[in-house]
Amino acid sequence: MYAERTLETFIKKATSQFPVLLVTGPRQVGKTTILQHLSKDKRIYTTLDDPMILTLAKNDPELFIQRFPPPVMIDEIQYAPELLPYIKMTVDKTPEPGMFWLTGSQQFHVMKGVSESMAGRVGVVHLLGLSRRELIGQAKDSSPFLPKPDELQSRTVTGGRINLKELYRIIWRGSFPAVALDDKVDRDLFYSSYVQTYLQRDIRDLAKVGDEMAFLRFLRASAARSGQMLNMAELSRDAGVAPNTAKNWLSILQASGIAYLLEPYHTNVTKRMVKTPKLYFLDTGLCAYLTEWSSPETLEAGAMSGSILETWIITEALKSYWHNGRRAPFYYYRDKDQKEIDLLIVQDGTAYPLEFRKTASPRKEDVRHFKVLDNLKMAVGHGGVICLAGQLLPLTDSASSIPVSAM
């Protein structure tokens, strides 16, 4: 079963402009599937997961290029960075758009090699799991989320309605296509296999982890902190590892597309803002699995209910930007007086503030901290509270109650 993806439009655009296209993202989000769907069998396909092919790519990259000439799609390019200089030479000899399509599951290592080898020759896009818009068949109509009144009105109409039970079912199952598109797939079996593959492949490549159980403890401790400010000392203590090890392992979670750090917004205007990022898992199903919630109902009623909803909203907002080929200008606000705003979208010099609440009846008091933005000396746009309300309603002149279905 193929679900249309928002990123298809941008991939076509990037392919028409750049000789090389790189699609990065976690394992199993559909990088290969989307490219094979778009190629329609008009380009050679090869994967570096194949040991024989990988050996050729590493030991004789020039012969590899001769055997798999463009237009070609190369899966898991991070396993053979030796190929990148030869791809560059091939592109420089006869530059044409769309010569090489590459995928990579380890963004940091791939990006380092690409930036050194092919600056100006490659278009880079990031793919996550299925967004809700993609799940309901509105992939092509999905645009970067911005809480302007007209856009919110349109999103509310096209997003339909979603009740509490259905929302937490989506959150609990997660956004990996294999589990999101087929209810018959055993969710626990999928994530168990996913974590094992992740430990055996990506972690072995990115870092020398001597104790896999210690890394698994770290993974679970990180998942339990999704939606919270990052406290590295507490995280390392709970995982039973040294702080430097925890810091290194967190960079691995980021590199392999498992976790995302939301940076605090700060300017030179005030020094009273905190500078600690917030940690989010990029798939709520994996997060719920690692924290051992056995059903959507227990997750909704449990201690992580609010933070997992916040995680889902953040990832949906991220997908709306990344799947349109855009950088997400996302921050959060918190000052030393503990006044906090869950999300600031800063675009064209204007800050759009958003709060997340697990309630169907948001109040005016929920947006009271928006006033602190006056201290930033910048324009403040329309904001609101993303919540479980059934319809879009005004809270103040500049803030609305935003149904979660608008995501």
Protein backbone atom coordinates (compact mmCIF):
# COMPACT_ATOMS: atom_id res chain seq x y z
CA MET A 1 0.00 0.00 0.00
CA TYR A 2 1.48 3.36 -1.06
CA ALA A 3 0.43 6.56 0.67
CA GLU A 4 1.03 9.76 -1.26
CA ARG A 5 3.65 11.92 0.44
CA THR A 6 3.84 15.72 0.68
CA LEU A 7 7.56 15.60 -0.08
CA GLU A 8 6.93 14.26 -3.61
CA THR A 9 6.42 17.77 -5.00
CA PHE A 10 9.67 19.10 -3.55
CA ILE A 11 11.64 16.01 -4.65
CA LYS A 12 10.53 16.62 -8.24
CA LYS A 13 11.53 20.27 -7.96
CA ALA A 14 14.95 19.50 -6.44
CA THR A 15 15.59 16.78 -9.05
CA SER A 16 14.99 19.29 -11.85
CA GLN A 17 17.56 21.68 -10.34
CA PHE A 18 20.33 19.54 -8.81
CA PRO A 19 22.39 16.66 -10.25
CA VAL A 20 22.27 14.94 -6.85
CA LEU A 21 19.32 14.51 -4.48
CA LEU A 22 19.81 13.26 -0.91
CA VAL A 23 16.82 12.10 1.16
CA THR A 24 17.66 11.68 4.84
CA GLY A 25 15.54 10.41 7.70
CA PRO A 26 15.16 7.57 10.21
CA ARG A 27 14.91 3.96 9.12
CA GLN A 28 11.53 2.70 7.88
CA VAL A 29 9.91 6.09 7.18
CA GLY A 30 9.61 5.39 3.45
CA LYS A 31 12.68 7.03 1.87
CA THR A 32 13.25 4.18 -0.59
CA THR A 33 9.52 3.71 -1.22
CA ILE A 34 8.89 7.33 -2.19
CA LEU A 35 11.89 7.45 -4.55
CA GLN A 36 11.04 4.12 -6.20
CA HIS A 37 7.46 5.34 -6.64
CA LEU A 38 8.67 8.54 -8.32
CA SER A 39 11.33 6.87 -10.47
CA LYS A 40 8.75 4.55 -12.11
CA ASP A 41 11.55 2.07 -12.94
CA LYS A 42 13.37 4.67 -15.04
CA ARG A 43 16.57 4.55 -13.02
CA ILE A 44 18.87 1.81 -11.77
CA TYR A 45 18.40 0.86 -8.12
CA THR A 46 21.06 -0.49 -5.77
CA THR A 47 21.40 -0.69 -2.01
CA LEU A 48 24.52 -0.64 0.16
CA ASP A 49 22.71 -2.91 2.61
CA ASP A 50 23.85 -5.69 0.26
CA PRO A 51 27.29 -6.85 1.51
CA MET A 52 28.58 -7.66 -2.02
CA ILE A 53 27.55 -4.27 -3.38
CA LEU A 54 28.94 -2.51 -0.30
CA THR A 55 32.31 -4.24 -0.74
CA LEU A 56 32.48 -3.07 -4.35
CA ALA A 57 31.52 0.51 -3.38
CA LYS A 58 34.21 0.67 -0.70
CA ASN A 59 37.03 -1.12 -2.50
CA ASP A 60 36.52 0.07 -6.06
CA PRO A 61 34.19 3.08 -6.15
CA GLU A 62 35.13 3.92 -9.75
CA LEU A 63 34.05 0.47 -10.94
CA PHE A 64 30.87 0.82 -8.86
CA ILE A 65 29.94 4.00 -10.77
CA GLN A 66 30.61 2.22 -14.06
CA ARG A 67 28.41 -0.71 -13.04
CA PHE A 68 25.62 1.54 -11.76
CA PRO A 69 25.69 4.58 -14.06
CA PRO A 70 23.26 7.49 -13.72
CA PRO A 71 20.39 7.90 -13.55
CA VAL A 72 20.78 5.75 -10.43
CA MET A 73 19.34 5.50 -6.94
CA ILE A 74 21.76 4.44 -4.18
CA ASP A 75 20.24 3.37 -0.86
CA GLU A 76 22.01 3.90 2.50
CA ILE A 77 24.88 6.00 1.16
CA GLN A 78 26.30 6.48 4.67
CA TYR A 79 27.82 2.98 4.51
CA ALA A 80 30.20 3.98 1.70
CA PRO A 81 31.29 7.63 1.96
CA GLU A 82 34.13 6.64 -0.38
CA LEU A 83 31.60 6.93 -3.22
CA LEU A 84 30.97 10.65 -2.74
CA PRO A 85 34.15 12.00 -4.43
CA TYR A 86 33.47 9.74 -7.44
CA ILE A 87 29.87 10.90 -7.63
CA LYS A 88 31.21 14.46 -7.59
CA MET A 89 33.65 13.72 -10.43
CA THR A 90 30.90 12.07 -12.49
CA VAL A 91 28.61 15.04 -11.96
CA ASP A 92 31.34 17.54 -12.82
CA LYS A 93 32.14 15.81 -16.11
CA THR A 94 28.61 15.88 -17.51
CA PRO A 95 26.36 17.85 -15.15
CA GLU A 96 22.68 17.06 -15.66
CA PRO A 97 19.76 17.36 -13.22
CA GLY A 98 18.66 14.19 -11.44
CA MET A 99 21.72 12.03 -12.07
CA PHE A 100 21.98 10.54 -8.57
CA TRP A 101 19.33 9.88 -5.96
CA LEU A 102 20.77 8.99 -2.56
CA THR A 103 19.17 7.98 0.73
CA GLY A 104 20.77 8.00 4.16
CA SER A 105 19.60 7.04 7.64
CA GLN A 106 22.37 8.76 9.55
CA GLN A 107 22.05 12.44 8.87
CA PHE A 108 25.16 13.72 10.65
CA HIS A 109 27.66 11.45 8.90
CA VAL A 110 25.94 11.74 5.54
CA MET A 111 25.70 15.52 5.72
CA LYS A 112 29.35 15.85 6.72
CA GLY A 113 30.44 13.87 3.68
CA VAL A 114 28.06 15.64 1.34
CA SER A 115 29.05 19.13 2.52
CA GLU A 116 32.71 18.30 1.98
CA SER A 117 32.28 16.59 -1.39
CA MET A 118 29.33 18.12 -3.20
CA ALA A 119 28.58 21.63 -2.02
CA GLY A 120 26.28 23.33 -4.51
CA ARG A 121 25.59 20.09 -6.39
CA VAL A 122 23.11 18.44 -4.05
CA GLY A 123 19.56 19.11 -2.88
CA VAL A 124 18.91 17.78 0.62
CA VAL A 125 15.46 16.85 1.92
CA HIS A 126 14.33 15.31 5.23
CA LEU A 127 11.59 12.70 5.50
CA LEU A 128 9.83 11.64 8.71
CA GLY A 129 6.96 9.21 9.20
CA LEU A 130 3.49 9.83 7.81
CA SER A 131 1.85 13.07 8.84
CA ARG A 132 -1.84 13.09 9.72
CA ARG A 133 -2.53 15.00 6.49
CA GLU A 134 -0.83 12.24 4.54
CA LEU A 135 -2.84 9.61 6.44
CA ILE A 136 -6.15 11.25 5.50
CA GLY A 137 -5.17 11.66 1.83
CA GLN A 138 -4.29 15.36 1.83
CA ALA A 139 -0.56 15.09 1.13
CA LYS A 140 -0.52 17.56 -1.76
CA ASP A 141 -2.61 20.12 0.12
CA SER A 142 -0.36 20.12 3.19
CA SER A 143 1.44 23.43 3.71
CA PRO A 144 3.85 24.66 6.42
CA PHE A 145 1.82 25.27 9.57
CA LEU A 146 1.42 28.94 10.51
CA PRO A 147 -1.42 30.08 12.82
CA LYS A 148 -2.68 32.95 10.68
CA PRO A 149 -6.50 33.26 10.97
CA ASP A 150 -7.26 32.50 7.31
CA GLU A 151 -4.94 29.49 7.27
CA LEU A 152 -6.37 28.16 10.52
CA GLN A 153 -9.89 28.45 9.13
CA SER A 154 -8.90 26.49 6.03
CA ARG A 155 -7.02 23.85 8.03
CA THR A 156 -9.94 23.36 10.40
CA VAL A 157 -12.33 22.75 7.50
CA THR A 158 -10.04 20.33 5.64
CA GLY A 159 -8.79 18.56 8.79
CA GLY A 160 -12.19 17.20 9.73
CA ARG A 161 -12.79 16.08 13.29
CA ILE A 162 -10.79 13.79 15.52
CA ASN A 163 -11.92 12.57 18.92
CA LEU A 164 -9.78 11.77 21.94
CA LYS A 165 -9.83 8.01 21.43
CA GLU A 166 -8.82 8.19 17.77
CA LEU A 167 -6.11 10.77 18.47
CA TYR A 168 -4.39 8.61 21.08
CA ARG A 169 -4.71 5.56 18.85
CA ILE A 170 -2.76 7.45 16.17
CA ILE A 171 -0.22 8.63 18.75
CA TRP A 172 0.19 5.14 20.26
CA ARG A 173 0.67 3.35 16.92
CA GLY A 174 3.04 6.02 15.59
CA SER A 175 3.78 7.28 12.10
CA PHE A 176 6.02 4.62 10.55
CA PRO A 177 4.12 3.59 7.38
CA ALA A 178 4.23 -0.15 8.19
CA VAL A 179 2.16 0.31 11.38
CA ALA A 180 0.28 3.50 10.54
CA LEU A 181 -1.25 2.16 7.31
CA ASP A 182 -2.14 -1.36 8.41
CA ASP A 183 -3.99 -2.04 11.66
CA LYS A 184 -3.28 -5.76 11.25
CA VAL A 185 0.45 -5.20 11.81
CA ASP A 186 1.43 -6.11 15.38
CA ARG A 187 2.60 -2.80 16.78
CA ASP A 188 4.73 -4.24 19.61
CA LEU A 189 6.43 -6.74 17.31
CA PHE A 190 7.26 -3.97 14.83
CA TYR A 191 8.85 -1.69 17.42
CA SER A 192 10.69 -4.54 19.11
CA SER A 193 12.27 -5.43 15.77
CA TYR A 194 12.89 -1.76 14.98
CA VAL A 195 14.78 -1.13 18.22
CA GLN A 196 16.86 -4.27 17.75
CA THR A 197 17.76 -3.34 14.16
CA TYR A 198 18.55 0.20 15.26
CA LEU A 199 20.85 -1.06 18.01
CA GLN A 200 22.61 -3.54 15.77
CA ARG A 201 23.06 -1.38 12.67
CA ASP A 202 23.01 2.35 13.28
CA ILE A 203 24.53 2.34 16.75
CA ARG A 204 27.31 -0.01 15.75
CA ASP A 205 28.16 2.33 12.88
CA LEU A 206 27.87 5.62 14.73
CA ALA A 207 29.52 4.74 18.05
CA LYS A 208 31.26 1.89 19.78
CA VAL A 209 28.62 0.93 22.32
CA GLY A 210 30.11 -1.78 24.50
CA ASP A 211 26.95 -2.35 26.52
CA GLU A 212 23.79 -2.53 24.40
CA MET A 213 21.61 -2.80 27.51
CA ALA A 214 23.04 0.50 28.82
CA PHE A 215 22.17 2.15 25.52
CA LEU A 216 18.67 0.69 25.68
CA ARG A 217 18.27 2.15 29.18
CA PHE A 218 19.43 5.49 27.80
CA LEU A 219 16.94 5.20 24.94
CA ARG A 220 14.08 4.56 27.38
CA ALA A 221 15.16 7.34 29.73
CA SER A 222 15.26 9.75 26.79
CA ALA A 223 11.80 8.67 25.60
CA ALA A 224 10.41 9.27 29.11
CA ARG A 225 11.65 12.87 28.87
CA SER A 226 10.04 13.71 25.53
CA GLY A 227 8.48 17.16 25.82
CA GLN A 228 10.71 18.20 28.71
CA MET A 229 13.70 20.49 29.08
CA LEU A 230 16.90 18.53 28.67
CA ASN A 231 18.73 17.83 31.93
CA MET A 232 21.82 15.91 30.89
CA ALA A 233 22.90 15.14 34.46
CA GLU A 234 19.56 13.51 35.30
CA LEU A 235 19.43 11.66 31.99
CA SER A 236 22.93 10.20 32.41
CA ARG A 237 22.18 9.25 36.03
CA ASP A 238 18.96 7.41 35.14
CA ALA A 239 20.69 5.58 32.28
CA GLY A 240 23.65 4.71 34.51
CA VAL A 241 26.28 6.19 32.19
CA ALA A 242 28.80 9.03 32.34
CA PRO A 243 27.56 12.52 31.30
CA ASN A 244 29.95 12.61 28.31
CA THR A 245 28.62 9.24 27.17
CA ALA A 246 25.04 10.48 27.48
CA LYS A 247 25.91 13.58 25.46
CA ASN A 248 27.50 11.45 22.74
CA TRP A 249 24.56 9.06 22.65
CA LEU A 250 22.07 11.92 22.44
CA SER A 251 23.89 13.20 19.36
CA ILE A 252 23.42 9.70 17.90
CA LEU A 253 19.66 9.89 18.53
CA GLN A 254 19.64 13.19 16.64
CA ALA A 255 21.88 11.91 13.84
CA SER A 256 19.71 8.87 13.18
CA GLY A 257 16.45 10.85 13.20
CA ILE A 258 15.11 9.47 16.48
CA ALA A 259 15.16 12.67 18.55
CA TYR A 260 14.86 16.42 17.99
CA LEU A 261 16.08 19.27 20.16
CA LEU A 262 13.87 22.37 20.21
CA GLU A 263 16.13 25.32 20.95
CA PRO A 264 15.02 28.21 23.20
CA TYR A 265 14.52 31.58 21.58
CA HIS A 266 16.89 34.25 22.81
CA THR A 267 18.16 37.61 21.63
CA ASN A 268 20.56 40.23 22.91
CA VAL A 269 17.59 42.22 24.19
CA THR A 270 17.24 40.15 27.33
CA LYS A 271 19.58 37.82 29.17
CA ARG A 272 16.84 36.39 31.36
CA MET A 273 15.91 33.59 28.99
CA VAL A 274 16.97 30.01 29.62
CA LYS A 275 19.33 28.38 27.12
CA THR A 276 18.47 24.70 27.61
CA PRO A 277 16.78 22.90 24.68
CA LYS A 278 13.70 20.70 24.97
CA LEU A 279 13.91 17.06 23.92
CA TYR A 280 11.33 15.45 21.63
CA PHE A 281 11.11 11.99 20.10
CA LEU A 282 10.25 12.19 16.41
CA ASP A 283 7.85 9.24 16.50
CA THR A 284 5.26 8.99 19.24
CA GLY A 285 4.69 5.27 18.66
CA LEU A 286 8.35 4.48 19.32
CA CYS A 287 8.28 6.82 22.32
CA ALA A 288 5.19 5.08 23.77
CA TYR A 289 6.71 1.65 23.12
CA LEU A 290 9.96 2.51 24.88
CA THR A 291 8.06 3.88 27.88
CA GLU A 292 5.95 0.69 27.97
CA TRP A 293 2.39 1.96 27.52
CA SER A 294 0.43 -1.14 26.55
CA SER A 295 -2.57 0.50 24.86
CA PRO A 296 -3.87 3.85 23.61
CA GLU A 297 -6.22 3.94 26.62
CA THR A 298 -3.46 3.53 29.22
CA LEU A 299 -1.33 6.10 27.40
CA GLU A 300 -4.18 8.64 27.38
CA ALA A 301 -4.89 8.12 31.08
CA GLY A 302 -1.26 7.91 32.19
CA ALA A 303 1.44 10.27 33.39
CA MET A 304 2.80 10.91 29.86
CA SER A 305 -0.59 11.84 28.42
CA GLY A 306 0.14 15.58 28.13
CA SER A 307 3.78 15.34 27.08
CA ILE A 308 3.11 12.73 24.38
CA LEU A 309 0.35 14.95 22.95
CA GLU A 310 2.82 17.85 22.89
CA THR A 311 5.36 15.58 21.18
CA TRP A 312 2.80 14.63 18.53
CA ILE A 313 1.86 18.26 17.83
CA ILE A 314 5.51 19.30 17.50
CA THR A 315 6.31 16.44 15.11
CA GLU A 316 3.22 17.19 12.99
CA ALA A 317 4.31 20.84 12.76
CA LEU A 318 7.86 19.76 11.85
CA LYS A 319 6.58 17.46 9.11
CA SER A 320 4.53 20.30 7.62
CA TYR A 321 7.81 22.19 7.05
CA TRP A 322 10.33 19.43 6.32
CA HIS A 323 7.99 17.61 3.92
CA ASN A 324 7.64 20.85 1.97
CA GLY A 325 11.42 21.21 1.75
CA ARG A 326 11.47 24.03 4.28
CA ARG A 327 13.54 24.62 7.39
CA ALA A 328 11.34 24.74 10.49
CA PRO A 329 11.92 28.10 12.28
CA PHE A 330 10.84 26.64 15.62
CA TYR A 331 11.78 27.74 19.13
CA TYR A 332 10.27 27.75 22.59
CA TYR A 333 10.29 30.58 25.10
CA ARG A 334 11.11 30.36 28.79
CA ASP A 335 12.57 33.02 31.05
CA LYS A 336 14.01 33.00 34.57
CA ASP A 337 10.53 33.81 35.93
CA GLN A 338 9.39 30.46 34.47
CA LYS A 339 7.07 32.10 31.98
CA GLU A 340 6.96 29.66 29.09
CA ILE A 341 5.48 29.46 25.59
CA ASP A 342 5.47 25.96 24.10
CA LEU A 343 6.29 26.96 20.52
CA LEU A 344 7.37 30.11 18.71
CA ILE A 345 7.30 30.01 14.93
CA VAL A 346 9.48 32.91 13.81
CA GLN A 347 8.98 33.92 10.18
CA ASP A 348 9.77 37.16 8.38
CA GLY A 349 10.58 38.92 11.65
CA THR A 350 7.27 37.95 13.25
CA ALA A 351 6.83 35.52 16.16
CA TYR A 352 3.70 33.35 16.20
CA PRO A 353 3.16 31.94 19.74
CA LEU A 354 1.45 28.62 20.43
CA GLU A 355 0.48 26.69 23.54
CA PHE A 356 -0.48 23.00 23.69
CA ARG A 357 -3.18 21.80 26.08
CA LYS A 358 -4.96 18.51 26.63
CA THR A 359 -8.33 20.16 27.12
CA ALA A 360 -11.47 20.77 25.09
CA SER A 361 -12.11 24.08 26.84
CA PRO A 362 -9.05 26.35 26.70
CA ARG A 363 -9.21 29.62 28.61
CA LYS A 364 -7.93 33.11 28.11
CA GLU A 365 -5.45 32.48 30.95
CA ASP A 366 -3.72 29.84 28.79
CA VAL A 367 -2.28 32.58 26.56
CA ARG A 368 -1.37 35.04 29.32
CA HIS A 369 2.37 34.53 28.80
CA PHE A 370 2.13 35.76 25.21
CA LYS A 371 2.48 39.28 26.64
CA VAL A 372 6.14 38.68 27.53
CA LEU A 373 6.95 38.72 23.81
CA ASP A 374 6.59 42.50 23.90
CA ASN A 375 10.04 42.50 25.53
CA LEU A 376 11.60 41.00 22.40
CA LYS A 377 11.08 44.16 20.38
CA MET A 378 9.71 42.20 17.44
CA ALA A 379 6.34 41.83 15.75
CA VAL A 380 4.00 39.28 17.32
CA GLY A 381 1.58 37.49 15.02
CA HIS A 382 -1.63 35.61 15.68
CA GLY A 383 -1.24 32.70 18.09
CA GLY A 384 -3.37 30.30 20.01
CA VAL A 385 -3.85 27.10 21.98
CA ILE A 386 -3.74 23.83 20.06
CA CYS A 387 -6.13 21.58 21.97
CA LEU A 388 -8.99 19.11 21.81
CA ALA A 389 -11.66 21.75 21.15
CA GLY A 390 -14.12 20.89 18.42
CA GLN A 391 -14.00 24.20 16.58
CA LEU A 392 -11.88 27.26 15.93
CA LEU A 393 -12.89 30.03 18.35
CA PRO A 394 -11.30 33.32 19.46
CA LEU A 395 -9.74 33.52 22.93
CA THR A 396 -8.45 37.07 22.59
CA ASP A 397 -8.05 39.56 19.74
CA SER A 398 -4.77 37.88 18.77
CA ALA A 399 -5.19 34.25 19.88
CA SER A 400 -7.55 31.40 19.07
CA SER A 401 -8.58 28.02 20.37
CA ILE A 402 -7.17 25.74 17.63
CA PRO A 403 -8.58 22.20 17.17
CA VAL A 404 -5.85 19.57 17.03
CA SER A 405 -7.38 18.41 13.74
CA ALA A 406 -6.01 21.61 12.17
CA MET A 407 -2.53 20.04 12.27
